[in-house]
Amino acid sequence: MLRYIIDANLPYYFALWAGDEYIHVRDINEEWTDTQIWEYAKERNLTIVTKDADFSDRMLMNEPPPRVIHIKLGNMKMREFHATLSKIWADVCQLSKQYKLVRIFEDKIGSIG
């Protein structure tokens, strides 16, 4: 059962997002606009996982669905990126069930709504 859509600005081959709950924008249409991704996620009650602040901003003005997980880790090597997310991903997913927006920072996880 799909629960998350991974934005095109995030790695395609990523062990954390290899399960049946995840679909990557590249598997649908990597040239979609943010609005097309938003509508697709909304229609299917998916959570958008992204590094794009536009989705965060849009979420603040709307009610779910979709929900948004905004990764704000900055530039880091893929190994470090994966290690960081692997440690906290279960918590992030849990928070996303309760809050419409979850933001991941290098030193904390924040949630809104």
N, C-alpha and C. Protein backbone atom coordinates (compact mmCIF):
# COMPACT_ATOMS: atom_id res chain seq x y z
N MET A 1 0.84 -1.19 0.00
CA MET A 1 0.00 0.00 0.00
C MET A 1 0.88 1.25 0.00
N LEU A 2 0.74 2.09 -1.00
CA LEU A 2 1.52 3.32 -1.10
C LEU A 2 1.17 4.28 0.03
N ARG A 3 2.20 4.89 0.62
CA ARG A 3 1.99 5.90 1.64
C ARG A 3 2.83 7.15 1.40
N TYR A 4 3.92 7.00 0.64
CA TYR A 4 4.86 8.12 0.45
C TYR A 4 5.21 8.27 -1.02
N ILE A 5 5.34 9.52 -1.45
CA ILE A 5 5.86 9.82 -2.77
C ILE A 5 7.15 10.60 -2.57
N ILE A 6 8.22 10.11 -3.16
CA ILE A 6 9.55 10.70 -3.01
C ILE A 6 9.78 11.67 -4.17
N ASP A 7 10.07 12.92 -3.83
CA ASP A 7 10.27 13.96 -4.83
C ASP A 7 11.52 13.66 -5.67
N ALA A 8 11.51 14.21 -6.88
CA ALA A 8 12.61 13.98 -7.83
C ALA A 8 13.94 14.53 -7.33
N ASN A 9 13.92 15.44 -6.37
CA ASN A 9 15.17 16.02 -5.88
C ASN A 9 15.86 15.14 -4.82
N LEU A 10 15.31 13.98 -4.56
CA LEU A 10 15.91 13.03 -3.60
C LEU A 10 16.40 11.79 -4.34
N PRO A 11 17.34 11.07 -3.73
CA PRO A 11 17.93 9.91 -4.41
C PRO A 11 16.90 8.87 -4.85
N TYR A 12 17.11 8.36 -6.04
CA TYR A 12 16.22 7.32 -6.57
C TYR A 12 16.53 5.97 -5.95
N TYR A 13 17.79 5.61 -5.92
CA TYR A 13 18.20 4.34 -5.33
C TYR A 13 18.58 4.59 -3.89
N PHE A 14 17.67 4.29 -2.98
CA PHE A 14 17.88 4.61 -1.58
C PHE A 14 17.18 3.53 -0.76
N ALA A 15 17.94 2.78 0.00
CA ALA A 15 17.41 1.61 0.69
C ALA A 15 16.20 1.92 1.59
N LEU A 16 16.19 3.07 2.20
CA LEU A 16 15.07 3.42 3.09
C LEU A 16 13.74 3.45 2.35
N TRP A 17 13.78 3.81 1.08
CA TRP A 17 12.55 4.01 0.32
C TRP A 17 12.35 2.92 -0.73
N ALA A 18 12.80 1.72 -0.44
CA ALA A 18 12.72 0.64 -1.42
C ALA A 18 11.46 -0.22 -1.27
N GLY A 19 10.67 0.01 -0.25
CA GLY A 19 9.51 -0.85 0.01
C GLY A 19 8.27 -0.48 -0.79
N ASP A 20 7.24 -1.28 -0.61
CA ASP A 20 5.97 -1.09 -1.32
C ASP A 20 5.24 0.17 -0.90
N GLU A 21 5.63 0.77 0.21
CA GLU A 21 4.96 1.99 0.69
C GLU A 21 5.43 3.23 -0.06
N TYR A 22 6.48 3.09 -0.86
CA TYR A 22 7.12 4.25 -1.49
C TYR A 22 7.04 4.19 -3.01
N ILE A 23 6.85 5.37 -3.60
CA ILE A 23 6.98 5.52 -5.05
C ILE A 23 7.78 6.80 -5.28
N HIS A 24 8.66 6.74 -6.24
CA HIS A 24 9.48 7.91 -6.57
C HIS A 24 8.85 8.63 -7.75
N VAL A 25 8.91 9.94 -7.76
CA VAL A 25 8.36 10.72 -8.86
C VAL A 25 8.91 10.24 -10.19
N ARG A 26 10.17 9.80 -10.21
CA ARG A 26 10.76 9.31 -11.47
C ARG A 26 10.01 8.11 -12.02
N ASP A 27 9.34 7.36 -11.16
CA ASP A 27 8.57 6.20 -11.62
C ASP A 27 7.23 6.60 -12.24
N ILE A 28 6.85 7.84 -12.04
CA ILE A 28 5.58 8.34 -12.59
C ILE A 28 5.89 9.25 -13.77
N ASN A 29 6.53 10.39 -13.48
CA ASN A 29 6.90 11.35 -14.52
C ASN A 29 7.84 12.37 -13.89
N GLU A 30 9.12 12.23 -14.12
CA GLU A 30 10.10 13.09 -13.45
C GLU A 30 10.03 14.55 -13.90
N GLU A 31 9.22 14.85 -14.90
CA GLU A 31 9.08 16.22 -15.35
C GLU A 31 7.83 16.91 -14.80
N TRP A 32 7.14 16.23 -13.91
CA TRP A 32 5.96 16.83 -13.30
C TRP A 32 6.32 18.09 -12.54
N THR A 33 5.39 19.04 -12.53
CA THR A 33 5.52 20.24 -11.72
C THR A 33 5.17 19.92 -10.28
N ASP A 34 5.50 20.85 -9.39
CA ASP A 34 5.12 20.67 -7.98
C ASP A 34 3.61 20.52 -7.84
N THR A 35 2.85 21.24 -8.61
CA THR A 35 1.40 21.17 -8.54
C THR A 35 0.90 19.79 -8.95
N GLN A 36 1.49 19.20 -9.98
CA GLN A 36 1.09 17.86 -10.40
C GLN A 36 1.43 16.82 -9.33
N ILE A 37 2.59 16.96 -8.72
CA ILE A 37 2.97 16.05 -7.64
C ILE A 37 2.00 16.22 -6.47
N TRP A 38 1.69 17.46 -6.12
CA TRP A 38 0.78 17.76 -5.01
C TRP A 38 -0.59 17.11 -5.26
N GLU A 39 -1.13 17.29 -6.45
CA GLU A 39 -2.45 16.74 -6.77
C GLU A 39 -2.44 15.21 -6.75
N TYR A 40 -1.40 14.61 -7.29
CA TYR A 40 -1.27 13.15 -7.28
C TYR A 40 -1.27 12.64 -5.85
N ALA A 41 -0.47 13.28 -5.00
CA ALA A 41 -0.38 12.87 -3.59
C ALA A 41 -1.70 13.09 -2.88
N LYS A 42 -2.34 14.20 -3.15
CA LYS A 42 -3.61 14.52 -2.51
C LYS A 42 -4.68 13.50 -2.87
N GLU A 43 -4.78 13.16 -4.14
CA GLU A 43 -5.78 12.20 -4.61
C GLU A 43 -5.59 10.82 -4.00
N ARG A 44 -4.36 10.48 -3.67
CA ARG A 44 -4.04 9.14 -3.17
C ARG A 44 -3.70 9.13 -1.67
N ASN A 45 -3.87 10.27 -1.01
CA ASN A 45 -3.59 10.39 0.41
C ASN A 45 -2.15 9.98 0.74
N LEU A 46 -1.20 10.47 -0.06
CA LEU A 46 0.21 10.16 0.13
C LEU A 46 0.91 11.30 0.86
N THR A 47 2.00 10.97 1.51
CA THR A 47 2.87 11.97 2.12
C THR A 47 4.00 12.26 1.14
N ILE A 48 4.25 13.54 0.89
CA ILE A 48 5.33 13.96 -0.01
C ILE A 48 6.61 14.08 0.80
N VAL A 49 7.66 13.39 0.37
CA VAL A 49 8.98 13.48 0.99
C VAL A 49 9.85 14.30 0.04
N THR A 50 10.42 15.40 0.54
CA THR A 50 11.08 16.35 -0.35
C THR A 50 12.16 17.15 0.35
N LYS A 51 13.00 17.79 -0.46
CA LYS A 51 13.93 18.81 0.05
C LYS A 51 13.47 20.20 -0.42
N ASP A 52 12.36 20.26 -1.10
CA ASP A 52 11.84 21.46 -1.73
C ASP A 52 10.96 22.26 -0.75
N ALA A 53 11.36 23.48 -0.44
CA ALA A 53 10.61 24.32 0.50
C ALA A 53 9.23 24.70 -0.04
N ASP A 54 9.03 24.64 -1.35
CA ASP A 54 7.73 24.99 -1.91
C ASP A 54 6.61 24.12 -1.35
N PHE A 55 6.90 22.84 -1.14
CA PHE A 55 5.88 21.94 -0.59
C PHE A 55 5.59 22.30 0.87
N SER A 56 6.62 22.62 1.63
CA SER A 56 6.44 23.06 3.02
C SER A 56 5.57 24.29 3.08
N ASP A 57 5.88 25.26 2.25
CA ASP A 57 5.12 26.50 2.23
C ASP A 57 3.66 26.25 1.86
N ARG A 58 3.44 25.40 0.88
CA ARG A 58 2.07 25.09 0.45
C ARG A 58 1.31 24.37 1.56
N MET A 59 1.99 23.49 2.27
CA MET A 59 1.34 22.74 3.34
C MET A 59 0.86 23.66 4.45
N LEU A 60 1.60 24.72 4.73
CA LEU A 60 1.21 25.64 5.79
C LEU A 60 -0.12 26.33 5.48
N MET A 61 -0.47 26.39 4.21
CA MET A 61 -1.70 27.06 3.80
C MET A 61 -2.86 26.09 3.55
N ASN A 62 -2.61 24.79 3.68
CA ASN A 62 -3.62 23.78 3.36
C ASN A 62 -3.73 22.75 4.47
N GLU A 63 -4.79 22.01 4.41
CA GLU A 63 -4.97 20.88 5.32
C GLU A 63 -4.66 19.60 4.55
N PRO A 64 -4.19 18.58 5.25
CA PRO A 64 -3.92 17.32 4.56
C PRO A 64 -5.20 16.69 4.04
N PRO A 65 -5.11 15.81 3.06
CA PRO A 65 -3.88 15.41 2.42
C PRO A 65 -3.43 16.41 1.36
N PRO A 66 -2.26 16.31 0.89
CA PRO A 66 -1.19 15.42 1.35
C PRO A 66 -0.48 16.01 2.57
N ARG A 67 0.28 15.16 3.20
CA ARG A 67 1.17 15.59 4.26
C ARG A 67 2.55 15.76 3.63
N VAL A 68 3.45 16.45 4.34
CA VAL A 68 4.78 16.71 3.79
C VAL A 68 5.84 16.39 4.83
N ILE A 69 6.88 15.70 4.40
CA ILE A 69 8.11 15.53 5.18
C ILE A 69 9.18 16.32 4.43
N HIS A 70 9.65 17.39 5.06
CA HIS A 70 10.61 18.29 4.42
C HIS A 70 11.99 18.03 5.02
N ILE A 71 12.90 17.53 4.21
CA ILE A 71 14.26 17.22 4.64
C ILE A 71 15.13 18.45 4.41
N LYS A 72 15.63 19.01 5.51
CA LYS A 72 16.42 20.25 5.44
C LYS A 72 17.83 19.98 5.98
N LEU A 73 18.48 18.97 5.43
CA LEU A 73 19.79 18.57 5.93
C LEU A 73 20.96 19.29 5.26
N GLY A 74 20.71 20.04 4.22
CA GLY A 74 21.81 20.70 3.54
C GLY A 74 22.63 19.72 2.73
N ASN A 75 23.79 20.14 2.31
CA ASN A 75 24.66 19.29 1.50
C ASN A 75 25.45 18.34 2.38
N MET A 76 25.36 17.07 2.06
CA MET A 76 26.17 16.07 2.74
C MET A 76 26.36 14.89 1.80
N LYS A 77 27.36 14.12 2.07
CA LYS A 77 27.62 12.93 1.25
C LYS A 77 26.48 11.95 1.41
N MET A 78 26.25 11.16 0.37
CA MET A 78 25.13 10.22 0.37
C MET A 78 25.20 9.25 1.55
N ARG A 79 26.36 8.79 1.88
CA ARG A 79 26.50 7.85 3.00
C ARG A 79 26.04 8.51 4.31
N GLU A 80 26.45 9.76 4.52
CA GLU A 80 26.06 10.49 5.72
C GLU A 80 24.55 10.79 5.70
N PHE A 81 24.03 11.16 4.55
CA PHE A 81 22.61 11.42 4.38
C PHE A 81 21.80 10.18 4.77
N HIS A 82 22.19 9.04 4.23
CA HIS A 82 21.50 7.78 4.52
C HIS A 82 21.61 7.43 6.00
N ALA A 83 22.79 7.55 6.57
CA ALA A 83 22.99 7.22 7.99
C ALA A 83 22.13 8.11 8.88
N THR A 84 22.09 9.39 8.58
CA THR A 84 21.30 10.33 9.37
C THR A 84 19.82 9.98 9.31
N LEU A 85 19.30 9.78 8.10
CA LEU A 85 17.88 9.45 7.96
C LEU A 85 17.54 8.08 8.54
N SER A 86 18.43 7.13 8.38
CA SER A 86 18.17 5.78 8.90
C SER A 86 17.94 5.78 10.40
N LYS A 87 18.66 6.62 11.11
CA LYS A 87 18.54 6.68 12.57
C LYS A 87 17.20 7.23 13.02
N ILE A 88 16.60 8.11 12.23
CA ILE A 88 15.41 8.82 12.68
C ILE A 88 14.16 8.53 11.86
N TRP A 89 14.27 7.77 10.78
CA TRP A 89 13.17 7.62 9.85
C TRP A 89 11.90 7.07 10.49
N ALA A 90 12.01 6.10 11.37
CA ALA A 90 10.82 5.54 12.03
C ALA A 90 10.10 6.63 12.84
N ASP A 91 10.86 7.46 13.54
CA ASP A 91 10.27 8.57 14.30
C ASP A 91 9.61 9.58 13.38
N VAL A 92 10.27 9.88 12.28
CA VAL A 92 9.72 10.84 11.31
C VAL A 92 8.39 10.34 10.77
N CYS A 93 8.33 9.07 10.40
CA CYS A 93 7.09 8.50 9.87
C CYS A 93 5.99 8.52 10.91
N GLN A 94 6.33 8.25 12.15
CA GLN A 94 5.34 8.29 13.23
C GLN A 94 4.81 9.71 13.41
N LEU A 95 5.69 10.68 13.43
CA LEU A 95 5.27 12.08 13.56
C LEU A 95 4.39 12.51 12.39
N SER A 96 4.71 12.00 11.22
CA SER A 96 3.95 12.36 10.02
C SER A 96 2.50 11.88 10.09
N LYS A 97 2.24 10.86 10.85
CA LYS A 97 0.86 10.39 11.04
C LYS A 97 0.05 11.38 11.87
N GLN A 98 0.73 12.12 12.73
CA GLN A 98 0.05 13.06 13.64
C GLN A 98 0.06 14.50 13.14
N TYR A 99 1.08 14.88 12.37
CA TYR A 99 1.26 16.27 11.97
C TYR A 99 1.27 16.39 10.46
N LYS A 100 0.77 17.53 9.97
CA LYS A 100 0.69 17.72 8.53
C LYS A 100 2.05 18.05 7.90
N LEU A 101 2.97 18.56 8.70
CA LEU A 101 4.29 18.90 8.20
C LEU A 101 5.35 18.48 9.21
N VAL A 102 6.31 17.71 8.74
CA VAL A 102 7.46 17.31 9.57
C VAL A 102 8.70 17.82 8.86
N ARG A 103 9.53 18.54 9.61
CA ARG A 103 10.78 19.06 9.06
C ARG A 103 11.95 18.38 9.76
N ILE A 104 12.88 17.89 8.95
CA ILE A 104 14.07 17.22 9.46
C ILE A 104 15.26 18.16 9.32
N PHE A 105 15.86 18.50 10.45
CA PHE A 105 17.06 19.33 10.49
C PHE A 105 18.23 18.45 10.94
N GLU A 106 19.44 18.96 10.82
CA GLU A 106 20.60 18.16 11.24
C GLU A 106 20.58 17.85 12.73
N ASP A 107 20.01 18.75 13.54
CA ASP A 107 20.05 18.56 14.99
C ASP A 107 18.70 18.33 15.64
N LYS A 108 17.61 18.30 14.86
CA LYS A 108 16.29 18.08 15.46
C LYS A 108 15.26 17.75 14.39
N ILE A 109 14.11 17.33 14.87
CA ILE A 109 12.95 17.09 14.02
C ILE A 109 11.85 18.03 14.52
N GLY A 110 11.26 18.80 13.63
CA GLY A 110 10.17 19.70 14.00
C GLY A 110 8.88 19.27 13.33
N SER A 111 7.75 19.60 13.94
CA SER A 111 6.46 19.24 13.35
C SER A 111 5.46 20.37 13.56
N ILE A 112 4.53 20.48 12.62
CA ILE A 112 3.53 21.53 12.63
C ILE A 112 2.18 20.93 12.28
N GLY A 113 1.18 21.34 13.03
CA GLY A 113 -0.22 21.03 12.71
C GLY A 113 -0.67 19.68 13.01
